[in-house]
C-alpha cells in the first residue's frame, strides 16, 4: 500500500500536500493565503488542515508563518504528484481527453489508485511509447480513430499488414 495510505490521509489532505510542494517549488515556502487560493477553500479550512498535517509530522507549521514540508511530507507529496502526472498523461495522450478533463480525472483517480496499479500504469505507458508494435504511429492511429477519421472497416487492412510482417518475422519482440 502507498505511504500516503499508510498515513491514513484523505484525498483532501493529499491535495494540501500536493499544493504545498508545488508552492515550495515556486516560492520556497507556502503561505496559508496561497494554499487557500490554489485549492479554492477558506483560510479557516486551510488552518485546520495544516494543523492536522503538522500533527502527523508532514509539514512544519506555525500559525501566521510560512509552511514547509518535512522530509516525510515531501516524499508523500512527490508520490502524489507522480501519480497525478502519470494519470493525466494516460488520460490526455492515450485516451485523448482534453487537457482540463484529463487533469480533473487524474485529480480524482490519484487518491484511489494503489501503488501496484500505478506502477503497472507507468510500465504500460513506457511500453506503449517504446514497443515497435505500438509507438507513435500506433498512437497517431488511435488519435485518428478517436476523432472518427478511421473507420473500423479499415482495421482489417492493418491486421493483414501485421500478419504479413509477422510471417516475415518483422513484427517486433514476442515478449
N, C-alpha and C. Protein backbone atom coordinates (compact mmCIF):
# COMPACT_ATOMS: atom_id res chain seq x y z
N UNK A 1 0.84 -1.18 0.00
CA UNK A 1 0.00 0.00 0.00
C UNK A 1 0.88 1.24 0.00
N UNK A 2 0.44 2.33 -0.61
CA UNK A 2 1.22 3.55 -0.69
C UNK A 2 1.47 4.14 0.69
N UNK A 3 2.58 4.89 0.80
CA UNK A 3 2.91 5.50 2.08
C UNK A 3 1.84 6.48 2.52
N UNK A 4 1.19 7.19 1.59
CA UNK A 4 0.15 8.13 1.99
C UNK A 4 -1.08 7.40 2.52
N UNK A 5 -1.35 6.19 2.01
CA UNK A 5 -2.47 5.43 2.54
C UNK A 5 -2.12 4.88 3.92
N UNK A 6 -0.85 4.54 4.14
CA UNK A 6 -0.43 4.11 5.46
C UNK A 6 -0.63 5.23 6.47
N UNK A 7 -0.47 6.46 6.01
CA UNK A 7 -0.65 7.62 6.87
C UNK A 7 -2.13 7.89 7.12
N UNK A 8 -3.00 7.24 6.39
CA UNK A 8 -4.44 7.47 6.56
C UNK A 8 -4.86 8.85 6.08
N UNK A 9 -4.24 9.33 5.03
CA UNK A 9 -4.56 10.66 4.52
C UNK A 9 -5.80 10.62 3.64
N UNK A 10 -6.65 11.60 3.85
CA UNK A 10 -7.82 11.75 2.99
C UNK A 10 -7.38 12.38 1.67
N UNK A 11 -8.26 12.32 0.69
CA UNK A 11 -7.98 12.96 -0.60
C UNK A 11 -7.72 14.45 -0.39
N UNK A 12 -8.47 15.06 0.49
CA UNK A 12 -8.30 16.49 0.77
C UNK A 12 -6.91 16.79 1.33
N UNK A 13 -6.45 16.00 2.29
CA UNK A 13 -5.12 16.23 2.87
C UNK A 13 -4.03 15.96 1.84
N UNK A 14 -4.24 14.98 0.98
CA UNK A 14 -3.28 14.75 -0.11
C UNK A 14 -3.20 15.98 -1.01
N UNK A 15 -4.35 16.59 -1.30
CA UNK A 15 -4.35 17.80 -2.12
C UNK A 15 -3.55 18.92 -1.47
N UNK A 16 -3.66 19.06 -0.16
CA UNK A 16 -2.87 20.08 0.55
C UNK A 16 -1.38 19.82 0.38
N UNK A 17 -0.97 18.57 0.57
CA UNK A 17 0.46 18.25 0.41
C UNK A 17 0.94 18.57 -1.00
N UNK A 18 0.13 18.21 -1.98
CA UNK A 18 0.49 18.46 -3.38
C UNK A 18 0.65 19.96 -3.63
N UNK A 19 -0.28 20.76 -3.14
CA UNK A 19 -0.22 22.21 -3.34
C UNK A 19 0.96 22.82 -2.60
N UNK A 20 1.22 22.36 -1.39
CA UNK A 20 2.35 22.89 -0.63
C UNK A 20 3.66 22.61 -1.37
N UNK A 21 3.83 21.41 -1.91
CA UNK A 21 5.05 21.10 -2.65
C UNK A 21 5.17 21.98 -3.89
N UNK A 22 4.10 22.15 -4.60
CA UNK A 22 4.14 22.99 -5.81
C UNK A 22 4.48 24.44 -5.44
N UNK A 23 3.92 24.95 -4.33
CA UNK A 23 4.23 26.31 -3.89
C UNK A 23 5.69 26.41 -3.43
N UNK A 24 6.17 25.39 -2.74
CA UNK A 24 7.58 25.39 -2.33
C UNK A 24 8.50 25.43 -3.55
N UNK A 25 8.14 24.67 -4.58
CA UNK A 25 8.95 24.65 -5.80
C UNK A 25 8.97 26.04 -6.46
N UNK A 26 7.87 26.76 -6.35
CA UNK A 26 7.78 28.09 -6.96
C UNK A 26 8.38 29.19 -6.08
N UNK A 27 8.13 29.11 -4.77
CA UNK A 27 8.47 30.22 -3.88
C UNK A 27 9.29 29.82 -2.66
N UNK A 28 9.67 28.57 -2.56
CA UNK A 28 10.42 28.01 -1.44
C UNK A 28 9.58 27.78 -0.19
N UNK A 29 8.48 28.48 -0.03
CA UNK A 29 7.59 28.30 1.12
C UNK A 29 6.14 28.43 0.64
N UNK A 30 5.23 28.00 1.49
CA UNK A 30 3.81 28.12 1.19
C UNK A 30 3.16 28.98 2.27
N UNK A 31 2.32 29.89 1.83
CA UNK A 31 1.55 30.71 2.77
C UNK A 31 0.11 30.22 2.77
N UNK A 32 -0.55 30.34 3.90
CA UNK A 32 -1.94 29.88 4.02
C UNK A 32 -2.82 30.53 2.96
N UNK A 33 -2.62 31.80 2.70
CA UNK A 33 -3.42 32.51 1.70
C UNK A 33 -3.24 31.87 0.32
N UNK A 34 -2.00 31.55 -0.04
CA UNK A 34 -1.73 30.95 -1.34
C UNK A 34 -2.33 29.55 -1.45
N UNK A 35 -2.26 28.81 -0.35
CA UNK A 35 -2.86 27.47 -0.33
C UNK A 35 -4.35 27.58 -0.52
N UNK A 36 -4.99 28.50 0.21
CA UNK A 36 -6.45 28.70 0.09
C UNK A 36 -6.83 29.08 -1.33
N UNK A 37 -6.04 29.98 -1.94
CA UNK A 37 -6.33 30.41 -3.31
C UNK A 37 -6.22 29.24 -4.29
N UNK A 38 -5.18 28.43 -4.17
CA UNK A 38 -4.97 27.30 -5.10
C UNK A 38 -6.07 26.26 -4.99
N UNK A 39 -6.49 26.01 -3.74
CA UNK A 39 -7.49 24.96 -3.53
C UNK A 39 -8.92 25.47 -3.58
N UNK A 40 -9.08 26.79 -3.58
CA UNK A 40 -10.43 27.37 -3.61
C UNK A 40 -11.20 27.10 -2.33
N UNK A 41 -10.49 27.18 -1.20
CA UNK A 41 -11.12 26.94 0.10
C UNK A 41 -10.88 28.16 1.00
N UNK A 42 -11.56 28.17 2.15
CA UNK A 42 -11.41 29.29 3.08
C UNK A 42 -10.10 29.17 3.86
N UNK A 43 -9.65 30.28 4.40
CA UNK A 43 -8.43 30.28 5.23
C UNK A 43 -8.64 29.41 6.46
N UNK A 44 -9.88 29.38 7.00
CA UNK A 44 -10.17 28.55 8.17
C UNK A 44 -9.98 27.07 7.84
N UNK A 45 -10.39 26.67 6.65
CA UNK A 45 -10.20 25.28 6.23
C UNK A 45 -8.72 24.95 6.13
N UNK A 46 -7.96 25.90 5.59
CA UNK A 46 -6.51 25.70 5.46
C UNK A 46 -5.89 25.53 6.83
N UNK A 47 -6.26 26.37 7.77
CA UNK A 47 -5.69 26.29 9.12
C UNK A 47 -5.95 24.93 9.74
N UNK A 48 -7.16 24.42 9.63
CA UNK A 48 -7.49 23.10 10.18
C UNK A 48 -6.67 22.00 9.53
N UNK A 49 -6.54 22.06 8.22
CA UNK A 49 -5.77 21.03 7.50
C UNK A 49 -4.29 21.11 7.87
N UNK A 50 -3.76 22.32 7.97
CA UNK A 50 -2.35 22.48 8.31
C UNK A 50 -2.06 21.95 9.71
N UNK A 51 -2.96 22.17 10.63
CA UNK A 51 -2.78 21.64 11.99
C UNK A 51 -2.75 20.11 11.95
N UNK A 52 -3.64 19.52 11.19
CA UNK A 52 -3.68 18.06 11.08
C UNK A 52 -2.39 17.52 10.46
N UNK A 53 -1.94 18.15 9.39
CA UNK A 53 -0.70 17.72 8.73
C UNK A 53 0.51 17.90 9.64
N UNK A 54 0.53 18.97 10.42
CA UNK A 54 1.64 19.21 11.36
C UNK A 54 1.64 18.15 12.46
N UNK A 55 0.45 17.77 12.94
CA UNK A 55 0.35 16.72 13.97
C UNK A 55 0.89 15.39 13.46
N UNK A 56 0.81 15.17 12.18
CA UNK A 56 1.30 13.93 11.57
C UNK A 56 2.76 14.06 11.11
N UNK A 57 3.38 15.16 11.45
CA UNK A 57 4.77 15.42 11.12
C UNK A 57 5.03 15.42 9.62
N UNK A 58 4.07 15.96 8.87
CA UNK A 58 4.21 16.04 7.42
C UNK A 58 4.57 17.44 6.95
N UNK A 59 4.32 18.44 7.82
CA UNK A 59 4.68 19.82 7.49
C UNK A 59 5.25 20.50 8.73
N UNK A 60 5.99 21.57 8.47
CA UNK A 60 6.43 22.47 9.53
C UNK A 60 5.47 23.64 9.48
N UNK A 61 4.71 23.82 10.57
CA UNK A 61 3.66 24.84 10.56
C UNK A 61 3.62 25.57 11.89
N UNK A 62 3.59 26.89 11.77
CA UNK A 62 3.35 27.77 12.90
C UNK A 62 2.32 28.78 12.42
N UNK A 63 1.25 29.00 13.20
CA UNK A 63 0.23 29.97 12.76
C UNK A 63 0.86 31.32 12.40
N UNK A 64 0.34 31.93 11.35
CA UNK A 64 0.77 33.24 10.84
C UNK A 64 2.21 33.23 10.32
N UNK A 65 2.68 32.07 9.94
CA UNK A 65 4.03 31.96 9.40
C UNK A 65 3.97 31.13 8.11
N UNK A 66 5.12 30.88 7.54
CA UNK A 66 5.21 30.06 6.34
C UNK A 66 5.09 28.59 6.69
N UNK A 67 4.71 27.82 5.70
CA UNK A 67 4.59 26.37 5.85
C UNK A 67 5.56 25.70 4.89
N UNK A 68 6.26 24.69 5.38
CA UNK A 68 7.13 23.88 4.53
C UNK A 68 6.86 22.42 4.82
N UNK A 69 7.21 21.57 3.90
CA UNK A 69 7.06 20.13 4.07
C UNK A 69 8.24 19.56 4.86
N UNK A 70 7.96 18.57 5.68
CA UNK A 70 9.04 17.79 6.28
C UNK A 70 9.54 16.82 5.22
N UNK A 71 10.62 16.13 5.49
CA UNK A 71 11.11 15.14 4.51
C UNK A 71 10.05 14.08 4.25
N UNK A 72 9.40 13.63 5.29
CA UNK A 72 8.34 12.63 5.15
C UNK A 72 7.18 13.19 4.31
N UNK A 73 6.80 14.44 4.57
CA UNK A 73 5.73 15.08 3.81
C UNK A 73 6.11 15.28 2.36
N UNK A 74 7.37 15.63 2.13
CA UNK A 74 7.85 15.85 0.76
C UNK A 74 7.82 14.54 -0.02
N UNK A 75 8.21 13.46 0.61
CA UNK A 75 8.20 12.15 -0.05
C UNK A 75 6.79 11.77 -0.48
N UNK A 76 5.84 11.97 0.42
CA UNK A 76 4.45 11.64 0.10
C UNK A 76 3.92 12.56 -0.99
N UNK A 77 4.21 13.86 -0.91
CA UNK A 77 3.74 14.81 -1.90
C UNK A 77 4.30 14.49 -3.29
N UNK A 78 5.57 14.11 -3.35
CA UNK A 78 6.17 13.75 -4.64
C UNK A 78 5.48 12.54 -5.24
N UNK A 79 5.11 11.57 -4.42
CA UNK A 79 4.40 10.39 -4.92
C UNK A 79 3.01 10.78 -5.42
N UNK A 80 2.34 11.67 -4.73
CA UNK A 80 1.01 12.13 -5.16
C UNK A 80 1.12 12.82 -6.53
N UNK A 81 2.12 13.67 -6.68
CA UNK A 81 2.32 14.37 -7.95
C UNK A 81 2.70 13.40 -9.06
N UNK A 82 3.52 12.40 -8.74
CA UNK A 82 3.89 11.39 -9.74
C UNK A 82 2.65 10.66 -10.24
N UNK A 83 1.78 10.28 -9.31
CA UNK A 83 0.54 9.61 -9.71
C UNK A 83 -0.31 10.53 -10.57
N UNK A 84 -0.44 11.79 -10.14
CA UNK A 84 -1.26 12.74 -10.87
C UNK A 84 -0.75 12.93 -12.30
N UNK A 85 0.54 13.17 -12.44
CA UNK A 85 1.12 13.42 -13.76
C UNK A 85 1.01 12.19 -14.66
N UNK A 86 1.22 11.01 -14.11
CA UNK A 86 1.11 9.78 -14.90
C UNK A 86 -0.32 9.56 -15.37
N UNK A 87 -1.27 9.76 -14.46
CA UNK A 87 -2.67 9.59 -14.83
C UNK A 87 -3.09 10.63 -15.87
N UNK A 88 -2.66 11.86 -15.67
CA UNK A 88 -3.01 12.91 -16.64
C UNK A 88 -2.45 12.56 -18.01
N UNK A 89 -1.20 12.11 -18.04
CA UNK A 89 -0.58 11.71 -19.32
C UNK A 89 -1.41 10.60 -19.98
N UNK A 90 -1.80 9.60 -19.20
CA UNK A 90 -2.58 8.50 -19.75
C UNK A 90 -3.91 9.00 -20.31
N UNK A 91 -4.62 9.82 -19.52
CA UNK A 91 -5.93 10.31 -19.97
C UNK A 91 -5.80 11.24 -21.19
N UNK A 92 -4.78 12.06 -21.20
CA UNK A 92 -4.63 13.04 -22.27
C UNK A 92 -3.99 12.42 -23.52
N UNK A 93 -2.86 11.77 -23.36
CA UNK A 93 -2.11 11.28 -24.52
C UNK A 93 -2.64 9.97 -25.06
N UNK A 94 -3.12 9.11 -24.19
CA UNK A 94 -3.54 7.79 -24.64
C UNK A 94 -5.04 7.69 -24.84
N UNK A 95 -5.82 8.28 -23.95
CA UNK A 95 -7.28 8.22 -24.11
C UNK A 95 -7.83 9.43 -24.86
N UNK A 96 -6.96 10.38 -25.17
CA UNK A 96 -7.31 11.54 -25.99
C UNK A 96 -8.35 12.46 -25.35
N UNK A 97 -8.30 12.60 -24.01
CA UNK A 97 -9.17 13.56 -23.34
C UNK A 97 -8.53 14.94 -23.42
N UNK A 98 -9.34 15.98 -23.44
CA UNK A 98 -8.83 17.35 -23.41
C UNK A 98 -8.04 17.54 -22.13
N UNK A 99 -7.07 18.44 -22.16
CA UNK A 99 -6.16 18.64 -21.04
C UNK A 99 -6.87 18.89 -19.71
N UNK A 100 -7.85 19.77 -19.70
CA UNK A 100 -8.56 20.10 -18.46
C UNK A 100 -9.33 18.90 -17.94
N UNK A 101 -9.95 18.16 -18.84
CA UNK A 101 -10.72 16.97 -18.47
C UNK A 101 -9.77 15.88 -17.95
N UNK A 102 -8.64 15.74 -18.60
CA UNK A 102 -7.63 14.76 -18.17
C UNK A 102 -7.11 15.11 -16.78
N UNK A 103 -6.86 16.39 -16.54
CA UNK A 103 -6.36 16.86 -15.25
C UNK A 103 -7.39 16.61 -14.15
N UNK A 104 -8.64 16.94 -14.41
CA UNK A 104 -9.70 16.75 -13.41
C UNK A 104 -9.87 15.26 -13.07
N UNK A 105 -9.82 14.41 -14.08
CA UNK A 105 -9.94 12.97 -13.82
C UNK A 105 -8.73 12.44 -13.06
N UNK A 106 -7.55 12.91 -13.44
CA UNK A 106 -6.33 12.50 -12.74
C UNK A 106 -6.41 12.87 -11.27
N UNK A 107 -6.93 14.04 -10.99
CA UNK A 107 -7.04 14.50 -9.60
C UNK A 107 -7.96 13.59 -8.79
N UNK A 108 -9.02 13.12 -9.41
CA UNK A 108 -9.95 12.23 -8.69
C UNK A 108 -9.36 10.83 -8.51
N UNK A 109 -8.74 10.31 -9.55
CA UNK A 109 -8.25 8.93 -9.52
C UNK A 109 -6.98 8.79 -8.68
N UNK A 110 -6.14 9.82 -8.65
CA UNK A 110 -4.86 9.73 -7.95
C UNK A 110 -5.01 9.36 -6.48
N UNK A 111 -6.15 9.67 -5.91
CA UNK A 111 -6.37 9.40 -4.49
C UNK A 111 -6.84 7.96 -4.23
N UNK A 112 -7.30 7.31 -5.27
CA UNK A 112 -7.87 5.97 -5.09
C UNK A 112 -6.97 4.84 -5.59
N UNK A 113 -6.10 5.14 -6.51
CA UNK A 113 -5.31 4.08 -7.14
C UNK A 113 -4.20 3.60 -6.19
N UNK A 114 -4.00 2.30 -6.12
CA UNK A 114 -2.94 1.78 -5.24
C UNK A 114 -1.61 1.72 -5.98
N UNK A 115 -0.55 1.48 -5.24
CA UNK A 115 0.79 1.55 -5.82
C UNK A 115 1.01 0.47 -6.89
N UNK A 116 0.45 -0.71 -6.72
CA UNK A 116 0.64 -1.76 -7.72
C UNK A 116 0.01 -1.36 -9.06
N UNK A 117 -1.21 -0.85 -9.02
CA UNK A 117 -1.88 -0.42 -10.25
C UNK A 117 -1.15 0.78 -10.86
N UNK A 118 -0.67 1.68 -10.02
CA UNK A 118 0.04 2.85 -10.53
C UNK A 118 1.35 2.44 -11.19
N UNK A 119 2.10 1.56 -10.54
CA UNK A 119 3.34 1.08 -11.13
C UNK A 119 3.09 0.38 -12.46
N UNK A 120 2.03 -0.39 -12.53
CA UNK A 120 1.69 -1.09 -13.77
C UNK A 120 1.34 -0.10 -14.86
N UNK A 121 0.66 1.00 -14.51
CA UNK A 121 0.33 2.01 -15.50
C UNK A 121 1.61 2.67 -16.02
N UNK A 122 2.55 2.95 -15.15
CA UNK A 122 3.83 3.53 -15.57
C UNK A 122 4.52 2.59 -16.56
N UNK A 123 4.55 1.30 -16.26
CA UNK A 123 5.16 0.32 -17.16
C UNK A 123 4.42 0.28 -18.50
N UNK A 124 3.10 0.32 -18.42
CA UNK A 124 2.28 0.28 -19.63
C UNK A 124 2.58 1.49 -20.52
N UNK A 125 2.64 2.67 -19.93
CA UNK A 125 2.93 3.88 -20.70
C UNK A 125 4.30 3.79 -21.35
N UNK A 126 5.27 3.30 -20.59
CA UNK A 126 6.62 3.14 -21.13
C UNK A 126 6.62 2.15 -22.29
N UNK A 127 5.95 1.04 -22.11
CA UNK A 127 5.84 0.02 -23.15
C UNK A 127 5.18 0.59 -24.41
N UNK A 128 4.10 1.32 -24.21
CA UNK A 128 3.37 1.88 -25.34
C UNK A 128 4.22 2.85 -26.15
N UNK A 129 5.12 3.54 -25.49
CA UNK A 129 5.97 4.51 -26.19
C UNK A 129 7.17 3.84 -26.86
N UNK A 130 7.59 2.67 -26.38
CA UNK A 130 8.84 2.08 -26.87
C UNK A 130 8.67 0.86 -27.77
N UNK A 131 7.61 0.11 -27.59
CA UNK A 131 7.47 -1.14 -28.34
C UNK A 131 7.26 -0.84 -29.83
N UNK A 132 8.00 -1.53 -30.69
CA UNK A 132 7.84 -1.27 -32.13
C UNK A 132 6.45 -1.66 -32.64
N UNK A 133 5.73 -2.48 -31.91
CA UNK A 133 4.38 -2.84 -32.33
C UNK A 133 3.37 -1.77 -31.96
N UNK A 134 3.79 -0.82 -31.11
CA UNK A 134 2.89 0.29 -30.74
C UNK A 134 3.57 1.57 -31.17
N UNK A 135 4.12 2.34 -30.27
CA UNK A 135 4.87 3.54 -30.61
C UNK A 135 4.01 4.68 -31.11
N UNK A 136 4.68 5.70 -31.62
CA UNK A 136 4.00 6.93 -32.03
C UNK A 136 3.03 6.74 -33.18
N UNK A 137 3.36 5.89 -34.16
CA UNK A 137 2.43 5.72 -35.27
C UNK A 137 1.17 4.99 -34.82
N UNK A 138 1.32 4.08 -33.87
CA UNK A 138 0.15 3.40 -33.30
C UNK A 138 -0.71 4.41 -32.56
N UNK A 139 -0.06 5.29 -31.77
CA UNK A 139 -0.80 6.31 -31.04
C UNK A 139 -1.51 7.27 -32.00
N UNK A 140 -0.84 7.62 -33.08
CA UNK A 140 -1.46 8.52 -34.05
C UNK A 140 -2.68 7.85 -34.69
N UNK A 141 -2.59 6.57 -34.96
CA UNK A 141 -3.74 5.84 -35.49
C UNK A 141 -4.89 5.85 -34.49
N UNK A 142 -4.56 5.68 -33.22
CA UNK A 142 -5.61 5.70 -32.19
C UNK A 142 -6.22 7.09 -32.09
N UNK A 143 -5.39 8.14 -32.17
CA UNK A 143 -5.91 9.51 -32.14
C UNK A 143 -6.91 9.71 -33.28
N UNK A 144 -6.54 9.25 -34.46
CA UNK A 144 -7.44 9.37 -35.61
C UNK A 144 -8.71 8.57 -35.39
N UNK A 145 -8.58 7.40 -34.82
CA UNK A 145 -9.74 6.56 -34.53
C UNK A 145 -10.69 7.28 -33.56
N UNK A 146 -10.12 7.92 -32.51
CA UNK A 146 -10.93 8.65 -31.53
C UNK A 146 -11.66 9.83 -32.17
N UNK A 147 -11.06 10.40 -33.17
CA UNK A 147 -11.66 11.56 -33.85
C UNK A 147 -12.59 11.14 -34.98
N UNK A 148 -12.76 9.84 -35.15
CA UNK A 148 -13.67 9.35 -36.17
C UNK A 148 -13.10 9.38 -37.58
N UNK A 149 -11.78 9.56 -37.68
CA UNK A 149 -11.17 9.63 -39.01
C UNK A 149 -10.79 8.25 -39.53
N UNK A 150 -10.85 7.25 -38.68
CA UNK A 150 -10.54 5.88 -39.11
C UNK A 150 -11.79 5.04 -38.87
N UNK A 151 -12.22 4.38 -39.90
CA UNK A 151 -13.40 3.53 -39.79
C UNK A 151 -12.98 2.13 -39.38
N UNK A 152 -13.78 1.49 -38.55
CA UNK A 152 -13.47 0.12 -38.12
C UNK A 152 -13.31 -0.82 -39.30
N UNK A 153 -14.00 -0.53 -40.36
CA UNK A 153 -13.92 -1.40 -41.52
C UNK A 153 -12.51 -1.42 -42.11
N UNK A 154 -11.69 -0.39 -41.83
CA UNK A 154 -10.32 -0.35 -42.34
C UNK A 154 -9.36 -1.11 -41.44
N UNK A 155 -9.82 -1.53 -40.26
CA UNK A 155 -8.93 -2.26 -39.34
C UNK A 155 -8.42 -3.55 -39.97
N UNK A 156 -9.22 -4.15 -40.82
CA UNK A 156 -8.80 -5.38 -41.49
C UNK A 156 -7.53 -5.19 -42.31
N UNK A 157 -7.39 -4.02 -42.92
CA UNK A 157 -6.19 -3.72 -43.71
C UNK A 157 -4.95 -3.74 -42.81
N UNK A 158 -5.06 -3.10 -41.67
CA UNK A 158 -3.92 -3.07 -40.74
C UNK A 158 -3.59 -4.47 -40.22
N UNK A 159 -4.63 -5.23 -39.92
CA UNK A 159 -4.40 -6.59 -39.42
C UNK A 159 -3.71 -7.44 -40.48
N UNK A 160 -4.11 -7.27 -41.71
CA UNK A 160 -3.48 -8.03 -42.80
C UNK A 160 -2.01 -7.65 -42.94
N UNK A 161 -1.69 -6.35 -42.83
CA UNK A 161 -0.30 -5.89 -42.89
C UNK A 161 0.50 -6.49 -41.74
N UNK A 162 -0.10 -6.52 -40.55
CA UNK A 162 0.57 -7.07 -39.37
C UNK A 162 0.83 -8.56 -39.57
N UNK A 163 -0.15 -9.28 -40.06
CA UNK A 163 0.05 -10.72 -40.32
C UNK A 163 1.19 -10.94 -41.31
N UNK A 164 1.25 -10.09 -42.31
CA UNK A 164 2.31 -10.19 -43.31
C UNK A 164 3.68 -9.94 -42.67
N UNK A 165 3.77 -8.94 -41.81
CA UNK A 165 5.03 -8.64 -41.11
C UNK A 165 5.41 -9.79 -40.19
N UNK A 166 4.41 -10.36 -39.48
CA UNK A 166 4.69 -11.46 -38.57
C UNK A 166 5.21 -12.66 -39.35
N UNK A 167 4.61 -12.90 -40.49
CA UNK A 167 5.03 -14.02 -41.32
C UNK A 167 6.49 -13.84 -41.77
N UNK A 168 6.88 -12.60 -42.00
CA UNK A 168 8.24 -12.31 -42.42
C UNK A 168 9.17 -12.10 -41.22
N UNK A 169 8.64 -12.19 -39.98
CA UNK A 169 9.46 -12.03 -38.79
C UNK A 169 9.80 -10.59 -38.46
N UNK A 170 8.92 -9.64 -38.86
CA UNK A 170 9.20 -8.22 -38.67
C UNK A 170 8.28 -7.56 -37.64
N UNK A 171 7.55 -8.31 -36.89
CA UNK A 171 6.53 -7.72 -36.03
C UNK A 171 7.03 -7.30 -34.67
N UNK A 172 8.30 -7.30 -34.43
CA UNK A 172 8.80 -6.85 -33.12
C UNK A 172 8.97 -8.02 -32.17
N UNK A 173 9.23 -7.69 -30.94
CA UNK A 173 9.52 -8.70 -29.92
C UNK A 173 8.26 -9.51 -29.60
N UNK A 174 8.46 -10.69 -29.09
CA UNK A 174 7.32 -11.53 -28.74
C UNK A 174 7.18 -11.65 -27.23
N UNK A 175 7.82 -10.81 -26.49
CA UNK A 175 7.66 -10.83 -25.04
C UNK A 175 8.96 -10.96 -24.41
